N, C-alpha and C. Protein backbone atom coordinates (compact mmCIF):
# COMPACT_ATOMS: atom_id res chain seq x y z
N MET A 1 0.84 -1.20 0.00
CA MET A 1 0.00 0.00 0.00
C MET A 1 0.88 1.25 0.00
N ASP A 2 0.47 2.24 -0.76
CA ASP A 2 1.21 3.50 -0.85
C ASP A 2 0.77 4.43 0.28
N HIS A 3 1.74 4.79 1.13
CA HIS A 3 1.43 5.65 2.28
C HIS A 3 1.96 7.06 2.08
N SER A 4 2.32 7.41 0.84
CA SER A 4 2.96 8.70 0.58
C SER A 4 2.09 9.88 0.98
N GLU A 5 0.78 9.78 0.75
CA GLU A 5 -0.11 10.90 1.10
C GLU A 5 -0.12 11.13 2.61
N GLY A 6 -0.25 10.04 3.36
CA GLY A 6 -0.26 10.16 4.82
C GLY A 6 1.05 10.70 5.34
N ILE A 7 2.16 10.25 4.75
CA ILE A 7 3.48 10.71 5.18
C ILE A 7 3.65 12.20 4.85
N ASN A 8 3.19 12.60 3.69
CA ASN A 8 3.25 14.02 3.32
C ASN A 8 2.42 14.88 4.27
N ASN A 9 1.28 14.34 4.69
CA ASN A 9 0.43 15.07 5.64
C ASN A 9 1.13 15.23 7.00
N LEU A 10 1.90 14.21 7.38
CA LEU A 10 2.66 14.31 8.63
C LEU A 10 3.72 15.39 8.53
N CYS A 11 4.38 15.45 7.40
CA CYS A 11 5.38 16.50 7.18
C CYS A 11 4.72 17.88 7.28
N LYS A 12 3.58 18.02 6.65
CA LYS A 12 2.85 19.28 6.68
C LYS A 12 2.42 19.63 8.10
N GLY A 13 1.96 18.61 8.83
CA GLY A 13 1.54 18.83 10.22
C GLY A 13 2.69 19.29 11.10
N MET A 14 3.90 18.73 10.86
CA MET A 14 5.08 19.17 11.61
C MET A 14 5.37 20.63 11.33
N ILE A 15 5.35 20.99 10.04
CA ILE A 15 5.68 22.36 9.66
C ILE A 15 4.67 23.35 10.23
N GLU A 16 3.40 22.94 10.25
CA GLU A 16 2.34 23.83 10.75
C GLU A 16 2.15 23.71 12.26
N LEU A 17 2.98 22.88 12.91
CA LEU A 17 2.98 22.72 14.37
C LEU A 17 1.63 22.25 14.91
N GLU A 18 1.01 21.33 14.17
CA GLU A 18 -0.30 20.79 14.55
C GLU A 18 -0.11 19.44 15.24
N GLN A 19 0.08 19.50 16.55
CA GLN A 19 0.41 18.28 17.29
C GLN A 19 -0.68 17.22 17.19
N GLU A 20 -1.93 17.62 17.36
CA GLU A 20 -3.02 16.64 17.30
C GLU A 20 -3.09 15.97 15.94
N ALA A 21 -2.87 16.74 14.89
CA ALA A 21 -2.91 16.18 13.54
C ALA A 21 -1.76 15.20 13.33
N VAL A 22 -0.59 15.52 13.86
CA VAL A 22 0.57 14.64 13.71
C VAL A 22 0.34 13.34 14.47
N VAL A 23 -0.09 13.45 15.71
CA VAL A 23 -0.30 12.26 16.54
C VAL A 23 -1.38 11.36 15.95
N SER A 24 -2.51 11.94 15.59
CA SER A 24 -3.59 11.13 15.02
C SER A 24 -3.19 10.57 13.67
N GLY A 25 -2.42 11.34 12.91
CA GLY A 25 -1.95 10.87 11.60
C GLY A 25 -1.02 9.68 11.73
N ILE A 26 -0.16 9.71 12.73
CA ILE A 26 0.74 8.58 12.96
C ILE A 26 -0.04 7.34 13.37
N GLU A 27 -1.01 7.52 14.25
CA GLU A 27 -1.82 6.38 14.69
C GLU A 27 -2.50 5.72 13.49
N LYS A 28 -3.05 6.53 12.61
CA LYS A 28 -3.76 6.00 11.44
C LYS A 28 -2.82 5.31 10.47
N ILE A 29 -1.69 5.93 10.22
CA ILE A 29 -0.77 5.39 9.22
C ILE A 29 -0.10 4.11 9.71
N LEU A 30 0.10 4.02 11.01
CA LEU A 30 0.65 2.79 11.57
C LEU A 30 -0.37 1.66 11.49
N GLU A 31 -1.63 1.98 11.77
CA GLU A 31 -2.69 0.98 11.65
C GLU A 31 -2.82 0.47 10.22
N ALA A 32 -2.48 1.33 9.27
CA ALA A 32 -2.56 0.96 7.85
C ALA A 32 -1.34 0.17 7.39
N GLY A 33 -0.38 -0.01 8.30
CA GLY A 33 0.78 -0.84 7.99
C GLY A 33 2.00 -0.13 7.48
N ALA A 34 2.08 1.18 7.69
CA ALA A 34 3.25 1.92 7.22
C ALA A 34 4.50 1.55 8.01
N ASP A 35 5.64 1.65 7.36
CA ASP A 35 6.93 1.39 8.01
C ASP A 35 7.26 2.58 8.92
N PRO A 36 7.44 2.34 10.21
CA PRO A 36 7.70 3.46 11.13
C PRO A 36 8.97 4.23 10.80
N LEU A 37 9.98 3.54 10.27
CA LEU A 37 11.21 4.23 9.90
C LEU A 37 10.98 5.17 8.71
N GLU A 38 10.14 4.74 7.79
CA GLU A 38 9.80 5.58 6.65
C GLU A 38 9.02 6.80 7.11
N VAL A 39 8.15 6.60 8.09
CA VAL A 39 7.39 7.72 8.65
C VAL A 39 8.33 8.77 9.21
N ILE A 40 9.38 8.31 9.90
CA ILE A 40 10.35 9.23 10.49
C ILE A 40 11.17 9.92 9.41
N GLU A 41 11.73 9.11 8.52
CA GLU A 41 12.70 9.63 7.57
C GLU A 41 12.08 10.48 6.46
N LYS A 42 10.83 10.17 6.08
CA LYS A 42 10.21 10.89 4.96
C LYS A 42 9.12 11.86 5.40
N GLY A 43 8.66 11.73 6.64
CA GLY A 43 7.60 12.58 7.13
C GLY A 43 8.04 13.56 8.20
N LEU A 44 8.49 13.02 9.34
CA LEU A 44 8.81 13.87 10.48
C LEU A 44 10.09 14.68 10.29
N LEU A 45 11.15 14.00 9.84
CA LEU A 45 12.43 14.69 9.75
C LEU A 45 12.44 15.81 8.71
N PRO A 46 11.87 15.61 7.52
CA PRO A 46 11.80 16.74 6.58
C PRO A 46 11.01 17.92 7.15
N GLY A 47 9.94 17.61 7.89
CA GLY A 47 9.16 18.68 8.52
C GLY A 47 9.98 19.42 9.56
N LEU A 48 10.72 18.65 10.35
CA LEU A 48 11.56 19.25 11.38
C LEU A 48 12.68 20.08 10.76
N LYS A 49 13.21 19.59 9.63
CA LYS A 49 14.26 20.33 8.93
C LYS A 49 13.73 21.68 8.45
N LYS A 50 12.51 21.69 7.92
CA LYS A 50 11.91 22.93 7.45
C LYS A 50 11.72 23.92 8.60
N ILE A 51 11.30 23.40 9.74
CA ILE A 51 11.16 24.25 10.93
C ILE A 51 12.50 24.88 11.29
N GLY A 52 13.56 24.08 11.24
CA GLY A 52 14.89 24.60 11.55
C GLY A 52 15.31 25.69 10.59
N GLU A 53 14.98 25.51 9.32
CA GLU A 53 15.32 26.53 8.32
C GLU A 53 14.54 27.82 8.58
N GLN A 54 13.26 27.68 8.94
CA GLN A 54 12.45 28.86 9.23
C GLN A 54 12.98 29.60 10.45
N PHE A 55 13.47 28.85 11.43
CA PHE A 55 14.03 29.47 12.63
C PHE A 55 15.30 30.25 12.27
N GLU A 56 16.15 29.65 11.45
CA GLU A 56 17.39 30.31 11.04
C GLU A 56 17.10 31.58 10.25
N ASP A 57 16.03 31.55 9.46
CA ASP A 57 15.66 32.71 8.65
C ASP A 57 14.80 33.71 9.41
N GLU A 58 14.59 33.44 10.71
CA GLU A 58 13.79 34.30 11.59
C GLU A 58 12.35 34.45 11.12
N GLU A 59 11.85 33.40 10.45
CA GLU A 59 10.43 33.37 10.08
C GLU A 59 9.60 32.88 11.26
N ILE A 60 10.23 32.08 12.14
CA ILE A 60 9.62 31.67 13.40
C ILE A 60 10.65 31.90 14.50
N PHE A 61 10.22 31.75 15.76
CA PHE A 61 11.13 32.05 16.87
C PHE A 61 11.17 30.89 17.87
N LEU A 62 11.84 31.10 18.98
CA LEU A 62 12.12 30.01 19.91
C LEU A 62 10.88 29.25 20.38
N PRO A 63 9.76 29.91 20.69
CA PRO A 63 8.58 29.14 21.12
C PRO A 63 8.12 28.13 20.07
N GLU A 64 8.18 28.52 18.80
CA GLU A 64 7.78 27.60 17.73
C GLU A 64 8.78 26.45 17.61
N LEU A 65 10.07 26.76 17.77
CA LEU A 65 11.09 25.72 17.72
C LEU A 65 10.89 24.72 18.86
N MET A 66 10.59 25.23 20.03
CA MET A 66 10.33 24.36 21.18
C MET A 66 9.10 23.50 20.95
N LYS A 67 8.08 24.09 20.33
CA LYS A 67 6.86 23.35 20.03
C LYS A 67 7.14 22.21 19.06
N SER A 68 7.98 22.47 18.06
CA SER A 68 8.31 21.42 17.09
C SER A 68 9.03 20.26 17.75
N ALA A 69 9.92 20.58 18.69
CA ALA A 69 10.64 19.53 19.41
C ALA A 69 9.67 18.70 20.25
N GLN A 70 8.70 19.37 20.85
CA GLN A 70 7.69 18.67 21.66
C GLN A 70 6.86 17.73 20.79
N ILE A 71 6.45 18.21 19.62
CA ILE A 71 5.65 17.37 18.72
C ILE A 71 6.46 16.16 18.27
N PHE A 72 7.71 16.39 17.95
CA PHE A 72 8.58 15.29 17.51
C PHE A 72 8.71 14.24 18.61
N GLN A 73 8.89 14.69 19.85
CA GLN A 73 9.02 13.76 20.96
C GLN A 73 7.74 12.95 21.17
N GLU A 74 6.59 13.60 21.04
CA GLU A 74 5.32 12.89 21.19
C GLU A 74 5.14 11.86 20.08
N ALA A 75 5.56 12.24 18.87
CA ALA A 75 5.48 11.32 17.75
C ALA A 75 6.37 10.09 17.97
N MET A 76 7.56 10.33 18.50
CA MET A 76 8.49 9.22 18.72
C MET A 76 8.00 8.27 19.80
N LYS A 77 7.19 8.77 20.73
CA LYS A 77 6.61 7.89 21.75
C LYS A 77 5.72 6.84 21.12
N LEU A 78 5.08 7.20 20.02
CA LEU A 78 4.23 6.26 19.30
C LEU A 78 5.05 5.34 18.39
N LEU A 79 6.09 5.88 17.80
CA LEU A 79 6.83 5.14 16.79
C LEU A 79 7.87 4.18 17.36
N GLN A 80 8.53 4.56 18.44
CA GLN A 80 9.61 3.73 18.97
C GLN A 80 9.16 2.33 19.38
N PRO A 81 8.02 2.19 20.07
CA PRO A 81 7.59 0.83 20.43
C PRO A 81 7.31 -0.04 19.21
N VAL A 82 6.79 0.57 18.15
CA VAL A 82 6.50 -0.19 16.93
C VAL A 82 7.80 -0.62 16.26
N ILE A 83 8.78 0.27 16.27
CA ILE A 83 10.09 -0.07 15.70
C ILE A 83 10.69 -1.26 16.44
N GLN A 84 10.62 -1.20 17.76
CA GLN A 84 11.18 -2.29 18.58
C GLN A 84 10.40 -3.59 18.38
N GLU A 85 9.09 -3.48 18.31
CA GLU A 85 8.24 -4.66 18.15
C GLU A 85 8.51 -5.37 16.82
N LYS A 86 8.69 -4.58 15.78
CA LYS A 86 8.92 -5.15 14.46
C LYS A 86 10.38 -5.54 14.24
N GLY A 87 11.21 -5.16 15.21
CA GLY A 87 12.63 -5.47 15.08
C GLY A 87 13.30 -4.67 13.99
N ALA A 88 12.70 -3.56 13.64
CA ALA A 88 13.28 -2.71 12.60
C ALA A 88 14.34 -1.83 13.22
N ALA A 89 15.57 -2.21 13.02
CA ALA A 89 16.67 -1.48 13.65
C ALA A 89 17.46 -0.71 12.61
N LEU A 90 17.73 0.54 12.91
CA LEU A 90 18.60 1.31 12.04
C LEU A 90 20.03 0.77 12.15
N LYS A 91 20.76 0.84 11.06
CA LYS A 91 22.15 0.41 11.09
C LYS A 91 22.92 1.24 12.10
N LYS A 92 23.61 0.56 13.00
CA LYS A 92 24.39 1.26 14.02
C LYS A 92 25.51 2.05 13.36
N ARG A 93 25.52 3.35 13.61
CA ARG A 93 26.49 4.21 12.97
C ARG A 93 27.68 4.53 13.87
N GLY A 94 27.44 4.71 15.14
CA GLY A 94 28.51 5.11 16.03
C GLY A 94 27.94 5.58 17.36
N THR A 95 28.81 6.11 18.20
CA THR A 95 28.41 6.52 19.55
C THR A 95 28.80 7.98 19.78
N VAL A 96 27.84 8.74 20.30
CA VAL A 96 28.05 10.17 20.55
C VAL A 96 27.74 10.49 22.01
N VAL A 97 28.63 11.25 22.63
CA VAL A 97 28.36 11.83 23.94
C VAL A 97 28.04 13.30 23.71
N ILE A 98 26.89 13.75 24.20
CA ILE A 98 26.45 15.12 23.93
C ILE A 98 26.07 15.82 25.23
N GLY A 99 26.23 17.13 25.25
CA GLY A 99 25.82 17.89 26.42
C GLY A 99 26.03 19.38 26.19
N THR A 100 25.42 20.18 27.06
CA THR A 100 25.63 21.63 27.06
C THR A 100 26.73 21.94 28.06
N VAL A 101 27.66 22.78 27.67
CA VAL A 101 28.88 22.97 28.44
C VAL A 101 28.65 23.70 29.77
N LYS A 102 29.68 23.69 30.57
CA LYS A 102 29.66 24.28 31.91
C LYS A 102 29.18 25.73 31.87
N GLY A 103 28.23 26.04 32.75
CA GLY A 103 27.72 27.40 32.87
C GLY A 103 26.53 27.72 31.99
N ASP A 104 26.14 26.79 31.11
CA ASP A 104 25.04 27.02 30.18
C ASP A 104 23.92 26.03 30.46
N LEU A 105 22.69 26.53 30.62
CA LEU A 105 21.55 25.69 30.99
C LEU A 105 20.59 25.46 29.83
N HIS A 106 20.95 25.86 28.63
CA HIS A 106 20.05 25.71 27.48
C HIS A 106 20.10 24.28 26.92
N TYR A 107 18.95 23.80 26.49
CA TYR A 107 18.90 22.38 26.09
C TYR A 107 18.05 22.10 24.85
N ILE A 108 17.27 23.05 24.38
CA ILE A 108 16.35 22.76 23.27
C ILE A 108 17.10 22.27 22.03
N GLY A 109 18.08 23.05 21.59
CA GLY A 109 18.83 22.67 20.41
C GLY A 109 19.55 21.34 20.61
N LYS A 110 20.15 21.17 21.78
CA LYS A 110 20.84 19.91 22.09
C LYS A 110 19.89 18.73 22.00
N ASN A 111 18.70 18.90 22.53
CA ASN A 111 17.75 17.79 22.52
C ASN A 111 17.30 17.42 21.10
N ILE A 112 17.18 18.43 20.24
CA ILE A 112 16.81 18.14 18.86
C ILE A 112 17.93 17.39 18.16
N VAL A 113 19.18 17.81 18.40
CA VAL A 113 20.32 17.10 17.82
C VAL A 113 20.33 15.66 18.31
N LYS A 114 20.09 15.47 19.59
CA LYS A 114 20.07 14.12 20.16
C LYS A 114 19.04 13.24 19.45
N LEU A 115 17.83 13.76 19.29
CA LEU A 115 16.76 13.00 18.65
C LEU A 115 17.12 12.64 17.21
N LEU A 116 17.69 13.59 16.49
CA LEU A 116 18.04 13.34 15.10
C LEU A 116 19.18 12.32 15.00
N LEU A 117 20.13 12.41 15.91
CA LEU A 117 21.22 11.44 15.92
C LEU A 117 20.69 10.04 16.19
N GLU A 118 19.78 9.93 17.16
CA GLU A 118 19.23 8.63 17.50
C GLU A 118 18.44 8.03 16.35
N THR A 119 17.67 8.87 15.67
CA THR A 119 16.87 8.35 14.56
C THR A 119 17.72 8.13 13.31
N SER A 120 18.99 8.55 13.38
CA SER A 120 19.92 8.28 12.28
C SER A 120 20.81 7.08 12.58
N GLY A 121 20.58 6.42 13.71
CA GLY A 121 21.30 5.19 14.01
C GLY A 121 22.42 5.30 15.02
N PHE A 122 22.60 6.45 15.64
CA PHE A 122 23.65 6.61 16.64
C PHE A 122 23.16 6.21 18.03
N SER A 123 24.08 5.68 18.82
CA SER A 123 23.85 5.55 20.25
C SER A 123 24.26 6.88 20.87
N VAL A 124 23.35 7.50 21.61
CA VAL A 124 23.62 8.84 22.13
C VAL A 124 23.51 8.85 23.65
N TYR A 125 24.52 9.40 24.29
CA TYR A 125 24.54 9.56 25.74
C TYR A 125 24.47 11.04 26.05
N ASP A 126 23.33 11.47 26.58
CA ASP A 126 23.07 12.88 26.84
C ASP A 126 23.42 13.20 28.30
N LEU A 127 24.41 14.06 28.49
CA LEU A 127 24.86 14.43 29.84
C LEU A 127 24.08 15.60 30.41
N GLY A 128 23.17 16.16 29.62
CA GLY A 128 22.35 17.26 30.12
C GLY A 128 23.01 18.61 29.93
N VAL A 129 22.82 19.50 30.91
CA VAL A 129 23.33 20.87 30.80
C VAL A 129 24.35 21.14 31.91
N ASP A 130 25.09 22.25 31.73
CA ASP A 130 26.06 22.68 32.75
C ASP A 130 27.05 21.56 33.07
N VAL A 131 27.61 20.97 32.02
CA VAL A 131 28.45 19.78 32.18
C VAL A 131 29.93 20.15 32.30
N ASP A 132 30.58 19.62 33.30
CA ASP A 132 32.00 19.84 33.53
C ASP A 132 32.82 19.19 32.41
N PRO A 133 33.91 19.82 31.98
CA PRO A 133 34.72 19.25 30.90
C PRO A 133 35.15 17.81 31.14
N PHE A 134 35.55 17.51 32.36
CA PHE A 134 36.07 16.17 32.64
C PHE A 134 34.96 15.12 32.66
N VAL A 135 33.72 15.55 32.86
CA VAL A 135 32.59 14.62 32.80
C VAL A 135 32.40 14.14 31.36
N PHE A 136 32.56 15.07 30.41
CA PHE A 136 32.49 14.69 28.99
C PHE A 136 33.53 13.60 28.69
N ILE A 137 34.75 13.82 29.17
CA ILE A 137 35.84 12.90 28.85
C ILE A 137 35.62 11.54 29.51
N LEU A 138 35.22 11.54 30.77
CA LEU A 138 34.99 10.28 31.48
C LEU A 138 33.91 9.45 30.80
N LYS A 139 32.82 10.12 30.40
CA LYS A 139 31.73 9.39 29.76
C LYS A 139 32.14 8.89 28.39
N ALA A 140 32.86 9.71 27.64
CA ALA A 140 33.31 9.30 26.32
C ALA A 140 34.21 8.07 26.39
N GLU A 141 35.07 8.03 27.40
CA GLU A 141 35.93 6.86 27.59
C GLU A 141 35.12 5.64 28.01
N GLU A 142 34.16 5.87 28.89
CA GLU A 142 33.34 4.77 29.41
C GLU A 142 32.57 4.06 28.30
N VAL A 143 32.01 4.83 27.36
CA VAL A 143 31.16 4.23 26.32
C VAL A 143 31.89 4.06 25.00
N ASN A 144 33.20 4.35 25.01
CA ASN A 144 34.01 4.24 23.80
C ASN A 144 33.40 5.07 22.66
N ALA A 145 33.15 6.32 22.94
CA ALA A 145 32.49 7.21 21.99
C ALA A 145 33.35 7.52 20.78
N ASP A 146 32.70 7.75 19.67
CA ASP A 146 33.38 8.23 18.47
C ASP A 146 33.44 9.75 18.46
N VAL A 147 32.36 10.37 18.97
CA VAL A 147 32.21 11.82 18.87
C VAL A 147 31.77 12.40 20.21
N ILE A 148 32.33 13.55 20.55
CA ILE A 148 31.85 14.37 21.67
C ILE A 148 31.23 15.62 21.06
N ALA A 149 29.96 15.87 21.36
CA ALA A 149 29.24 17.01 20.80
C ALA A 149 28.97 18.03 21.90
N LEU A 150 29.44 19.25 21.70
CA LEU A 150 29.37 20.28 22.73
C LEU A 150 28.47 21.43 22.28
N SER A 151 27.45 21.72 23.09
CA SER A 151 26.53 22.80 22.78
C SER A 151 26.76 23.99 23.70
N ALA A 152 26.63 25.19 23.14
CA ALA A 152 26.70 26.42 23.92
C ALA A 152 25.84 27.47 23.24
N LEU A 153 24.92 28.05 23.98
CA LEU A 153 24.04 29.07 23.40
C LEU A 153 24.53 30.48 23.71
N LEU A 154 25.19 30.64 24.85
CA LEU A 154 25.59 31.96 25.31
C LEU A 154 27.05 32.26 24.97
N THR A 155 27.32 33.48 24.58
CA THR A 155 28.70 33.88 24.29
C THR A 155 29.58 33.69 25.51
N THR A 156 29.03 33.93 26.69
CA THR A 156 29.81 33.83 27.92
C THR A 156 30.18 32.39 28.27
N THR A 157 29.54 31.42 27.63
CA THR A 157 29.85 30.02 27.96
C THR A 157 30.64 29.32 26.85
N LEU A 158 30.99 30.05 25.80
CA LEU A 158 31.76 29.45 24.72
C LEU A 158 33.06 28.84 25.22
N VAL A 159 33.66 29.48 26.21
CA VAL A 159 34.93 28.98 26.73
C VAL A 159 34.80 27.56 27.26
N GLY A 160 33.57 27.18 27.63
CA GLY A 160 33.35 25.81 28.12
C GLY A 160 33.66 24.77 27.06
N GLN A 161 33.43 25.11 25.79
CA GLN A 161 33.76 24.19 24.70
C GLN A 161 35.28 24.05 24.58
N LYS A 162 35.96 25.18 24.65
CA LYS A 162 37.42 25.17 24.56
C LYS A 162 38.03 24.41 25.72
N ASP A 163 37.41 24.52 26.89
CA ASP A 163 37.92 23.83 28.08
C ASP A 163 37.94 22.32 27.88
N VAL A 164 36.92 21.79 27.19
CA VAL A 164 36.87 20.34 26.94
C VAL A 164 38.03 19.92 26.05
N ILE A 165 38.28 20.67 24.99
CA ILE A 165 39.37 20.35 24.08
C ILE A 165 40.71 20.46 24.79
N GLU A 166 40.87 21.50 25.59
CA GLU A 166 42.13 21.66 26.32
C GLU A 166 42.32 20.56 27.35
N ALA A 167 41.23 20.11 27.97
CA ALA A 167 41.32 19.01 28.94
C ALA A 167 41.74 17.71 28.23
N LEU A 168 41.19 17.48 27.04
CA LEU A 168 41.59 16.31 26.25
C LEU A 168 43.07 16.38 25.89
N GLU A 169 43.50 17.55 25.48
CA GLU A 169 44.91 17.73 25.12
C GLU A 169 45.80 17.53 26.34
N GLY A 170 45.38 18.06 27.48
CA GLY A 170 46.17 17.95 28.70
C GLY A 170 46.32 16.51 29.17
N GLN A 171 45.33 15.68 28.86
CA GLN A 171 45.38 14.27 29.25
C GLN A 171 45.97 13.38 28.15
N GLY A 172 46.37 14.01 27.05
CA GLY A 172 46.92 13.22 25.95
C GLY A 172 45.89 12.37 25.23
N LYS A 173 44.63 12.82 25.25
CA LYS A 173 43.54 12.02 24.68
C LYS A 173 42.82 12.73 23.52
N ARG A 174 43.42 13.81 23.02
CA ARG A 174 42.73 14.60 21.99
C ARG A 174 42.43 13.79 20.74
N ASP A 175 43.31 12.86 20.39
CA ASP A 175 43.11 12.09 19.16
C ASP A 175 42.13 10.93 19.33
N ASN A 176 41.66 10.72 20.55
CA ASN A 176 40.76 9.58 20.80
C ASN A 176 39.33 9.84 20.35
N PHE A 177 38.95 11.11 20.24
CA PHE A 177 37.56 11.46 19.92
C PHE A 177 37.51 12.62 18.93
N LYS A 178 36.47 12.61 18.10
CA LYS A 178 36.17 13.77 17.28
C LYS A 178 35.29 14.70 18.11
N VAL A 179 35.62 15.97 18.12
CA VAL A 179 34.87 16.95 18.90
C VAL A 179 34.15 17.89 17.94
N ILE A 180 32.82 17.93 18.05
CA ILE A 180 32.04 18.84 17.22
C ILE A 180 31.32 19.84 18.13
N VAL A 181 31.12 21.05 17.61
CA VAL A 181 30.54 22.10 18.43
C VAL A 181 29.39 22.78 17.67
N GLY A 182 28.47 23.32 18.44
CA GLY A 182 27.35 24.04 17.86
C GLY A 182 26.61 24.81 18.94
N GLY A 183 25.60 25.57 18.51
CA GLY A 183 24.83 26.38 19.45
C GLY A 183 24.73 27.80 18.95
N GLY A 184 23.83 28.55 19.55
CA GLY A 184 23.52 29.88 19.07
C GLY A 184 24.70 30.84 19.00
N ALA A 185 25.65 30.69 19.93
CA ALA A 185 26.76 31.64 19.97
C ALA A 185 27.98 31.16 19.19
N VAL A 186 27.92 29.96 18.66
CA VAL A 186 29.10 29.35 18.05
C VAL A 186 29.21 29.73 16.57
N THR A 187 30.43 29.99 16.14
CA THR A 187 30.71 30.28 14.74
C THR A 187 31.81 29.34 14.25
N LYS A 188 31.94 29.23 12.94
CA LYS A 188 33.01 28.40 12.38
C LYS A 188 34.37 28.94 12.77
N ALA A 189 34.49 30.26 12.82
CA ALA A 189 35.76 30.88 13.20
C ALA A 189 36.16 30.46 14.61
N TRP A 190 35.18 30.44 15.52
CA TRP A 190 35.47 30.03 16.90
C TRP A 190 35.84 28.55 16.95
N ALA A 191 35.12 27.73 16.18
CA ALA A 191 35.42 26.30 16.14
C ALA A 191 36.84 26.06 15.64
N ASP A 192 37.23 26.79 14.60
CA ASP A 192 38.58 26.64 14.05
C ASP A 192 39.62 27.12 15.05
N GLU A 193 39.31 28.22 15.72
CA GLU A 193 40.26 28.80 16.67
C GLU A 193 40.58 27.85 17.81
N MET A 194 39.55 27.16 18.32
CA MET A 194 39.78 26.26 19.47
C MET A 194 40.24 24.88 19.05
N GLY A 195 40.21 24.60 17.75
CA GLY A 195 40.68 23.31 17.29
C GLY A 195 39.66 22.20 17.29
N ALA A 196 38.37 22.56 17.18
CA ALA A 196 37.34 21.53 17.08
C ALA A 196 37.45 20.80 15.74
N ASP A 197 36.95 19.58 15.70
CA ASP A 197 37.00 18.80 14.45
C ASP A 197 35.90 19.21 13.48
N GLY A 198 34.87 19.88 13.99
CA GLY A 198 33.80 20.30 13.11
C GLY A 198 32.82 21.21 13.80
N TYR A 199 32.09 21.98 12.98
CA TYR A 199 31.08 22.91 13.47
C TYR A 199 29.83 22.77 12.61
N ALA A 200 28.67 22.77 13.25
CA ALA A 200 27.41 22.67 12.53
C ALA A 200 26.52 23.85 12.89
N GLU A 201 25.90 24.43 11.86
CA GLU A 201 25.01 25.57 12.08
C GLU A 201 23.65 25.12 12.61
N ASN A 202 23.28 23.87 12.32
CA ASN A 202 21.96 23.40 12.72
C ASN A 202 22.00 21.92 13.05
N ALA A 203 20.86 21.39 13.48
CA ALA A 203 20.81 20.00 13.93
C ALA A 203 21.12 19.02 12.81
N TYR A 204 20.62 19.30 11.62
CA TYR A 204 20.88 18.40 10.51
C TYR A 204 22.36 18.41 10.14
N GLY A 205 22.97 19.58 10.23
CA GLY A 205 24.40 19.67 9.96
C GLY A 205 25.20 18.86 10.96
N ALA A 206 24.74 18.84 12.22
CA ALA A 206 25.43 18.07 13.26
C ALA A 206 25.37 16.58 12.95
N VAL A 207 24.23 16.11 12.47
CA VAL A 207 24.09 14.70 12.12
C VAL A 207 25.00 14.36 10.94
N ASP A 208 25.00 15.19 9.92
CA ASP A 208 25.86 14.96 8.76
C ASP A 208 27.32 14.92 9.18
N LEU A 209 27.70 15.81 10.07
CA LEU A 209 29.06 15.89 10.55
C LEU A 209 29.44 14.61 11.30
N ALA A 210 28.56 14.20 12.21
CA ALA A 210 28.83 12.96 12.97
C ALA A 210 28.94 11.76 12.04
N GLN A 211 28.08 11.70 11.04
CA GLN A 211 28.11 10.58 10.10
C GLN A 211 29.44 10.57 9.33
N SER A 212 29.95 11.74 9.00
CA SER A 212 31.20 11.80 8.22
C SER A 212 32.38 11.25 8.99
N PHE A 213 32.28 11.22 10.31
CA PHE A 213 33.39 10.74 11.14
C PHE A 213 33.35 9.24 11.41
N VAL A 214 32.24 8.59 11.07
CA VAL A 214 32.12 7.16 11.37
C VAL A 214 31.95 6.31 10.12
N LEU A 215 32.08 6.90 8.95
CA LEU A 215 31.95 6.15 7.70
C LEU A 215 33.13 5.19 7.53
């Protein structure tokens, strides 16, 4: 059965931030036998990507971005059990340790990156916010991470990203992990200056970047 219309409607619902329409649409399309991974990859994620683009272009603002993340999370509550039940597993891509650096309590962008990484096949360990540099390193070693992802929204907390890289260098472990950075205050120039392995302007860019390191 062709589920393209229903999947397109889910994408539209994400873009228009219609949570009830998305949730009910997922329930119906799953009952009709749609592949939950296809629903994510062709319906929810393109919608979420469009939301991210609108946010970057200042067509929408933080409340709308937060709403989109909430809708995505509610959708995943319906889809994840079906994925597990059907044994439909995404190909394991790698392991990422993610968190917001010391002194910064922002989490919306980080959480969206986490969700996208997980739905792209990564094992993700989220350390939360206000994370000490050495906590990143300890966790990355514990789970044998491929990538450490550092978020910072405030200009005053950018130094927290540099602190992680300097701590890795001080322990002689800089080459053990790829370090990627992002967040509202982060620029490519800052990423280059501190010696990060990569910088992403948005959540999709972060996923692409992580994938490039584990191919």
